[in-house]
Amino acid sequence: MTQHTDLPSDLLPPAVRQFLDAHIVRDADTASSFLAEDAVIVDQDETFRGREETDAFLRDAGSEFEYTTERIGAHRVDDTHWVVTVRLEGTFPGGVAELDYRFALRDDLIAELVIANHPV
């Protein structure tokens, strides 16, 4: 599993930091407020586009499971791209997952979020 290679939270862009804070506690309305109106979220080969689809994704994703989320790593790719690695533990198949949340920002909002398995 991944070593803790954490970039301090205060060095993440506010939209990324606040989105994750809300998403971790399953506050979909607050998390959605950090997305651009035409945002795209890709998760497990499914793509959600625009406010209605991304709101539904944030509200419903993982709701059938109980799990905890811990941010275990983060890095800046460039001025508009950031990757945050999270570790999920819970009642979903496999019980443990490490995922990369790949953010693309535009005008201080999240324009794209791709959620993918963290490479081993």
N, C-alpha and C. Protein backbone atom coordinates (compact mmCIF):
# COMPACT_ATOMS: atom_id res chain seq x y z
N MET A 1 0.83 -1.18 0.00
CA MET A 1 0.00 0.00 0.00
C MET A 1 0.88 1.26 0.00
N THR A 2 0.25 2.37 -0.23
CA THR A 2 0.95 3.63 -0.38
C THR A 2 1.52 4.14 0.94
N GLN A 3 2.72 4.68 0.89
CA GLN A 3 3.30 5.36 2.04
C GLN A 3 2.62 6.72 2.18
N HIS A 4 2.57 7.26 3.38
CA HIS A 4 2.05 8.60 3.59
C HIS A 4 3.07 9.61 3.05
N THR A 5 2.72 10.26 1.96
CA THR A 5 3.57 11.28 1.35
C THR A 5 2.73 12.54 1.19
N ASP A 6 2.34 13.07 2.31
CA ASP A 6 1.30 14.08 2.35
C ASP A 6 1.83 15.48 2.13
N LEU A 7 1.21 16.17 1.19
CA LEU A 7 1.38 17.60 1.03
C LEU A 7 0.42 18.23 2.04
N PRO A 8 0.87 19.17 2.85
CA PRO A 8 -0.04 19.75 3.83
C PRO A 8 -1.31 20.31 3.17
N SER A 9 -2.43 20.12 3.85
CA SER A 9 -3.72 20.56 3.32
C SER A 9 -3.73 22.02 2.92
N ASP A 10 -3.04 22.85 3.69
CA ASP A 10 -3.09 24.28 3.38
C ASP A 10 -2.36 24.64 2.09
N LEU A 11 -1.61 23.70 1.51
CA LEU A 11 -0.95 23.96 0.23
C LEU A 11 -1.81 23.52 -0.97
N LEU A 12 -2.91 22.83 -0.70
CA LEU A 12 -3.84 22.48 -1.77
C LEU A 12 -4.67 23.71 -2.12
N PRO A 13 -5.09 23.83 -3.38
CA PRO A 13 -5.99 24.94 -3.74
C PRO A 13 -7.27 24.86 -2.88
N PRO A 14 -7.82 26.01 -2.52
CA PRO A 14 -9.02 26.00 -1.67
C PRO A 14 -10.16 25.13 -2.23
N ALA A 15 -10.41 25.17 -3.52
CA ALA A 15 -11.51 24.38 -4.08
C ALA A 15 -11.28 22.89 -3.86
N VAL A 16 -10.05 22.43 -4.03
CA VAL A 16 -9.72 21.01 -3.84
C VAL A 16 -9.86 20.65 -2.36
N ARG A 17 -9.27 21.44 -1.51
CA ARG A 17 -9.29 21.18 -0.07
C ARG A 17 -10.73 21.15 0.47
N GLN A 18 -11.50 22.16 0.10
CA GLN A 18 -12.86 22.26 0.63
C GLN A 18 -13.79 21.23 0.01
N PHE A 19 -13.59 20.90 -1.27
CA PHE A 19 -14.36 19.83 -1.90
C PHE A 19 -14.12 18.53 -1.14
N LEU A 20 -12.85 18.19 -0.91
CA LEU A 20 -12.54 16.94 -0.22
C LEU A 20 -13.08 16.92 1.20
N ASP A 21 -12.96 18.04 1.91
CA ASP A 21 -13.50 18.11 3.27
C ASP A 21 -15.00 17.79 3.27
N ALA A 22 -15.74 18.34 2.32
CA ALA A 22 -17.18 18.11 2.23
C ALA A 22 -17.47 16.69 1.75
N HIS A 23 -16.73 16.24 0.75
CA HIS A 23 -16.96 14.91 0.17
C HIS A 23 -16.71 13.81 1.21
N ILE A 24 -15.68 13.98 2.02
CA ILE A 24 -15.34 12.97 3.03
C ILE A 24 -16.46 12.81 4.05
N VAL A 25 -17.14 13.89 4.40
CA VAL A 25 -18.25 13.79 5.35
C VAL A 25 -19.59 13.63 4.65
N ARG A 26 -19.53 13.38 3.35
CA ARG A 26 -20.71 13.10 2.51
C ARG A 26 -21.70 14.26 2.48
N ASP A 27 -21.15 15.47 2.42
CA ASP A 27 -21.96 16.69 2.27
C ASP A 27 -21.95 17.05 0.79
N ALA A 28 -22.83 16.41 0.02
CA ALA A 28 -22.85 16.56 -1.44
C ALA A 28 -23.14 17.99 -1.87
N ASP A 29 -24.03 18.68 -1.18
CA ASP A 29 -24.37 20.04 -1.58
C ASP A 29 -23.15 20.96 -1.49
N THR A 30 -22.42 20.86 -0.39
CA THR A 30 -21.23 21.70 -0.25
C THR A 30 -20.16 21.28 -1.25
N ALA A 31 -19.94 19.99 -1.41
CA ALA A 31 -18.94 19.52 -2.39
C ALA A 31 -19.28 20.04 -3.78
N SER A 32 -20.54 19.99 -4.16
CA SER A 32 -20.96 20.46 -5.49
C SER A 32 -20.67 21.93 -5.71
N SER A 33 -20.67 22.70 -4.64
CA SER A 33 -20.46 24.15 -4.78
C SER A 33 -19.05 24.48 -5.27
N PHE A 34 -18.13 23.51 -5.24
CA PHE A 34 -16.76 23.76 -5.70
C PHE A 34 -16.53 23.26 -7.12
N LEU A 35 -17.62 22.81 -7.78
CA LEU A 35 -17.53 22.34 -9.16
C LEU A 35 -17.98 23.43 -10.12
N ALA A 36 -17.31 23.52 -11.26
CA ALA A 36 -17.76 24.41 -12.32
C ALA A 36 -19.12 23.92 -12.82
N GLU A 37 -19.90 24.82 -13.36
CA GLU A 37 -21.24 24.47 -13.86
C GLU A 37 -21.19 23.33 -14.88
N ASP A 38 -20.15 23.29 -15.70
CA ASP A 38 -20.02 22.25 -16.74
C ASP A 38 -18.99 21.18 -16.35
N ALA A 39 -18.80 20.98 -15.06
CA ALA A 39 -17.79 20.03 -14.58
C ALA A 39 -18.07 18.61 -15.08
N VAL A 40 -16.98 17.84 -15.14
CA VAL A 40 -17.04 16.44 -15.53
C VAL A 40 -16.40 15.63 -14.41
N ILE A 41 -17.07 14.55 -14.00
CA ILE A 41 -16.50 13.60 -13.05
C ILE A 41 -16.47 12.24 -13.72
N VAL A 42 -15.31 11.59 -13.66
CA VAL A 42 -15.15 10.24 -14.18
C VAL A 42 -14.81 9.34 -13.01
N ASP A 43 -15.59 8.27 -12.83
CA ASP A 43 -15.38 7.32 -11.75
C ASP A 43 -15.70 5.93 -12.26
N GLN A 44 -14.75 5.01 -12.14
CA GLN A 44 -14.94 3.64 -12.56
C GLN A 44 -15.51 3.55 -13.97
N ASP A 45 -14.90 4.27 -14.88
CA ASP A 45 -15.27 4.27 -16.30
C ASP A 45 -16.67 4.82 -16.58
N GLU A 46 -17.27 5.48 -15.62
CA GLU A 46 -18.52 6.18 -15.86
C GLU A 46 -18.24 7.67 -15.84
N THR A 47 -18.89 8.40 -16.75
CA THR A 47 -18.68 9.83 -16.86
C THR A 47 -19.96 10.57 -16.53
N PHE A 48 -19.84 11.58 -15.69
CA PHE A 48 -20.96 12.40 -15.26
C PHE A 48 -20.66 13.84 -15.69
N ARG A 49 -21.58 14.44 -16.44
CA ARG A 49 -21.34 15.77 -17.01
C ARG A 49 -22.41 16.76 -16.56
N GLY A 50 -21.96 17.96 -16.21
CA GLY A 50 -22.89 19.03 -15.87
C GLY A 50 -23.44 18.91 -14.46
N ARG A 51 -24.11 19.95 -14.05
CA ARG A 51 -24.57 20.10 -12.67
C ARG A 51 -25.48 18.95 -12.22
N GLU A 52 -26.48 18.59 -13.01
CA GLU A 52 -27.44 17.57 -12.58
C GLU A 52 -26.76 16.21 -12.37
N GLU A 53 -25.94 15.78 -13.32
CA GLU A 53 -25.29 14.47 -13.21
C GLU A 53 -24.23 14.44 -12.12
N THR A 54 -23.42 15.51 -12.02
CA THR A 54 -22.37 15.50 -10.99
C THR A 54 -22.98 15.60 -9.59
N ASP A 55 -24.06 16.36 -9.44
CA ASP A 55 -24.74 16.43 -8.14
C ASP A 55 -25.26 15.05 -7.74
N ALA A 56 -25.88 14.36 -8.68
CA ALA A 56 -26.41 13.02 -8.40
C ALA A 56 -25.28 12.06 -8.03
N PHE A 57 -24.17 12.13 -8.75
CA PHE A 57 -23.02 11.28 -8.43
C PHE A 57 -22.55 11.53 -7.01
N LEU A 58 -22.34 12.79 -6.66
CA LEU A 58 -21.83 13.12 -5.32
C LEU A 58 -22.81 12.70 -4.23
N ARG A 59 -24.09 12.79 -4.50
CA ARG A 59 -25.11 12.42 -3.53
C ARG A 59 -25.18 10.89 -3.34
N ASP A 60 -25.03 10.13 -4.45
CA ASP A 60 -25.32 8.69 -4.42
C ASP A 60 -24.09 7.79 -4.36
N ALA A 61 -22.93 8.24 -4.77
CA ALA A 61 -21.74 7.38 -4.86
C ALA A 61 -21.38 6.77 -3.51
N GLY A 62 -21.33 5.46 -3.47
CA GLY A 62 -20.92 4.77 -2.25
C GLY A 62 -21.94 4.76 -1.14
N SER A 63 -23.15 5.26 -1.40
CA SER A 63 -24.14 5.38 -0.33
C SER A 63 -24.61 4.02 0.20
N GLU A 64 -24.39 2.97 -0.56
CA GLU A 64 -24.81 1.64 -0.10
C GLU A 64 -23.80 1.01 0.85
N PHE A 65 -22.65 1.67 1.07
CA PHE A 65 -21.60 1.13 1.93
C PHE A 65 -21.30 2.07 3.09
N GLU A 66 -20.71 1.50 4.12
CA GLU A 66 -20.15 2.31 5.19
C GLU A 66 -18.64 2.26 5.04
N TYR A 67 -17.98 3.40 5.14
CA TYR A 67 -16.54 3.44 4.97
C TYR A 67 -15.96 4.70 5.58
N THR A 68 -14.67 4.63 5.83
CA THR A 68 -13.93 5.80 6.28
C THR A 68 -12.99 6.22 5.15
N THR A 69 -12.65 7.48 5.14
CA THR A 69 -11.78 8.03 4.11
C THR A 69 -10.64 8.78 4.80
N GLU A 70 -9.42 8.50 4.35
CA GLU A 70 -8.24 9.19 4.89
C GLU A 70 -7.39 9.68 3.72
N ARG A 71 -7.06 10.96 3.74
CA ARG A 71 -6.16 11.50 2.72
C ARG A 71 -4.75 11.08 3.06
N ILE A 72 -4.08 10.36 2.16
CA ILE A 72 -2.75 9.83 2.47
C ILE A 72 -1.65 10.40 1.59
N GLY A 73 -2.00 11.19 0.60
CA GLY A 73 -0.97 11.78 -0.23
C GLY A 73 -1.56 12.84 -1.13
N ALA A 74 -0.71 13.74 -1.59
CA ALA A 74 -1.16 14.78 -2.51
C ALA A 74 0.06 15.36 -3.21
N HIS A 75 -0.14 15.74 -4.47
CA HIS A 75 0.93 16.46 -5.15
C HIS A 75 0.36 17.35 -6.25
N ARG A 76 1.13 18.37 -6.53
CA ARG A 76 0.80 19.34 -7.58
C ARG A 76 1.44 18.85 -8.86
N VAL A 77 0.66 18.77 -9.93
CA VAL A 77 1.19 18.42 -11.24
C VAL A 77 1.66 19.69 -11.94
N ASP A 78 0.80 20.70 -11.94
CA ASP A 78 1.12 22.03 -12.47
C ASP A 78 0.13 23.01 -11.85
N ASP A 79 0.03 24.22 -12.38
CA ASP A 79 -0.81 25.24 -11.75
C ASP A 79 -2.29 24.87 -11.69
N THR A 80 -2.76 24.01 -12.58
CA THR A 80 -4.19 23.71 -12.62
C THR A 80 -4.51 22.24 -12.37
N HIS A 81 -3.51 21.40 -12.17
CA HIS A 81 -3.74 19.96 -11.98
C HIS A 81 -3.11 19.49 -10.67
N TRP A 82 -3.93 18.78 -9.89
CA TRP A 82 -3.52 18.28 -8.58
C TRP A 82 -4.01 16.85 -8.43
N VAL A 83 -3.26 16.03 -7.70
CA VAL A 83 -3.67 14.66 -7.42
C VAL A 83 -3.65 14.45 -5.91
N VAL A 84 -4.77 13.94 -5.40
CA VAL A 84 -4.89 13.62 -3.98
C VAL A 84 -5.20 12.14 -3.89
N THR A 85 -4.42 11.41 -3.10
CA THR A 85 -4.64 9.98 -2.90
C THR A 85 -5.36 9.78 -1.58
N VAL A 86 -6.43 8.98 -1.64
CA VAL A 86 -7.21 8.68 -0.44
C VAL A 86 -7.27 7.17 -0.24
N ARG A 87 -7.39 6.79 1.00
CA ARG A 87 -7.54 5.38 1.37
C ARG A 87 -8.93 5.21 1.97
N LEU A 88 -9.71 4.30 1.38
CA LEU A 88 -11.04 3.97 1.86
C LEU A 88 -10.98 2.62 2.55
N GLU A 89 -11.64 2.50 3.69
CA GLU A 89 -11.79 1.22 4.37
C GLU A 89 -13.25 1.10 4.76
N GLY A 90 -13.86 -0.05 4.39
CA GLY A 90 -15.27 -0.19 4.72
C GLY A 90 -15.89 -1.49 4.28
N THR A 91 -17.20 -1.44 4.11
CA THR A 91 -18.01 -2.63 3.84
C THR A 91 -18.17 -2.92 2.36
N PHE A 92 -17.46 -2.25 1.49
CA PHE A 92 -17.53 -2.51 0.05
C PHE A 92 -16.67 -3.73 -0.29
N PRO A 93 -16.88 -4.35 -1.45
CA PRO A 93 -16.07 -5.52 -1.83
C PRO A 93 -14.56 -5.21 -1.78
N GLY A 94 -13.81 -6.07 -1.12
CA GLY A 94 -12.37 -5.86 -0.96
C GLY A 94 -12.02 -5.15 0.33
N GLY A 95 -12.92 -4.30 0.84
CA GLY A 95 -12.75 -3.67 2.13
C GLY A 95 -11.77 -2.53 2.22
N VAL A 96 -10.79 -2.47 1.30
CA VAL A 96 -9.78 -1.40 1.31
C VAL A 96 -9.51 -0.99 -0.13
N ALA A 97 -9.41 0.31 -0.35
CA ALA A 97 -9.07 0.81 -1.68
C ALA A 97 -8.26 2.09 -1.54
N GLU A 98 -7.28 2.24 -2.40
CA GLU A 98 -6.55 3.50 -2.50
C GLU A 98 -6.86 4.09 -3.86
N LEU A 99 -7.35 5.32 -3.84
CA LEU A 99 -7.80 5.98 -5.05
C LEU A 99 -7.09 7.31 -5.24
N ASP A 100 -6.80 7.64 -6.49
CA ASP A 100 -6.30 8.96 -6.84
C ASP A 100 -7.47 9.81 -7.31
N TYR A 101 -7.60 10.98 -6.72
CA TYR A 101 -8.55 11.98 -7.17
C TYR A 101 -7.73 12.99 -7.97
N ARG A 102 -7.90 12.97 -9.28
CA ARG A 102 -7.14 13.85 -10.18
C ARG A 102 -8.01 15.05 -10.54
N PHE A 103 -7.60 16.20 -10.06
CA PHE A 103 -8.36 17.43 -10.22
C PHE A 103 -7.78 18.30 -11.33
N ALA A 104 -8.65 18.88 -12.14
CA ALA A 104 -8.28 19.93 -13.09
C ALA A 104 -9.11 21.16 -12.71
N LEU A 105 -8.45 22.27 -12.50
CA LEU A 105 -9.11 23.50 -12.06
C LEU A 105 -9.24 24.50 -13.20
N ARG A 106 -10.31 25.29 -13.11
CA ARG A 106 -10.52 26.41 -14.03
C ARG A 106 -11.23 27.51 -13.25
N ASP A 107 -10.68 28.70 -13.27
CA ASP A 107 -11.29 29.84 -12.56
C ASP A 107 -11.59 29.51 -11.10
N ASP A 108 -10.64 28.86 -10.44
CA ASP A 108 -10.73 28.53 -9.02
C ASP A 108 -11.84 27.54 -8.68
N LEU A 109 -12.36 26.84 -9.68
CA LEU A 109 -13.34 25.78 -9.47
C LEU A 109 -12.83 24.48 -10.08
N ILE A 110 -13.43 23.37 -9.69
CA ILE A 110 -13.04 22.07 -10.24
C ILE A 110 -13.78 21.87 -11.55
N ALA A 111 -13.02 21.80 -12.64
CA ALA A 111 -13.60 21.59 -13.97
C ALA A 111 -13.70 20.11 -14.29
N GLU A 112 -12.76 19.33 -13.75
CA GLU A 112 -12.76 17.89 -14.00
C GLU A 112 -12.19 17.16 -12.80
N LEU A 113 -12.80 16.02 -12.50
CA LEU A 113 -12.31 15.14 -11.45
C LEU A 113 -12.35 13.72 -11.99
N VAL A 114 -11.18 13.08 -12.01
CA VAL A 114 -11.09 11.69 -12.42
C VAL A 114 -10.67 10.89 -11.20
N ILE A 115 -11.49 9.90 -10.84
CA ILE A 115 -11.22 9.05 -9.69
C ILE A 115 -10.79 7.71 -10.23
N ALA A 116 -9.57 7.29 -9.87
CA ALA A 116 -9.01 6.05 -10.42
C ALA A 116 -8.22 5.32 -9.33
N ASN A 117 -8.05 4.02 -9.52
CA ASN A 117 -7.23 3.25 -8.60
C ASN A 117 -5.82 3.83 -8.56
N HIS A 118 -5.27 3.91 -7.36
CA HIS A 118 -3.90 4.37 -7.19
C HIS A 118 -2.96 3.26 -7.67
N PRO A 119 -1.98 3.59 -8.51
CA PRO A 119 -1.06 2.55 -8.98
C PRO A 119 -0.27 1.94 -7.81
N VAL A 120 -0.11 0.65 -7.86
CA VAL A 120 0.61 -0.05 -6.78
C VAL A 120 2.10 0.09 -6.96
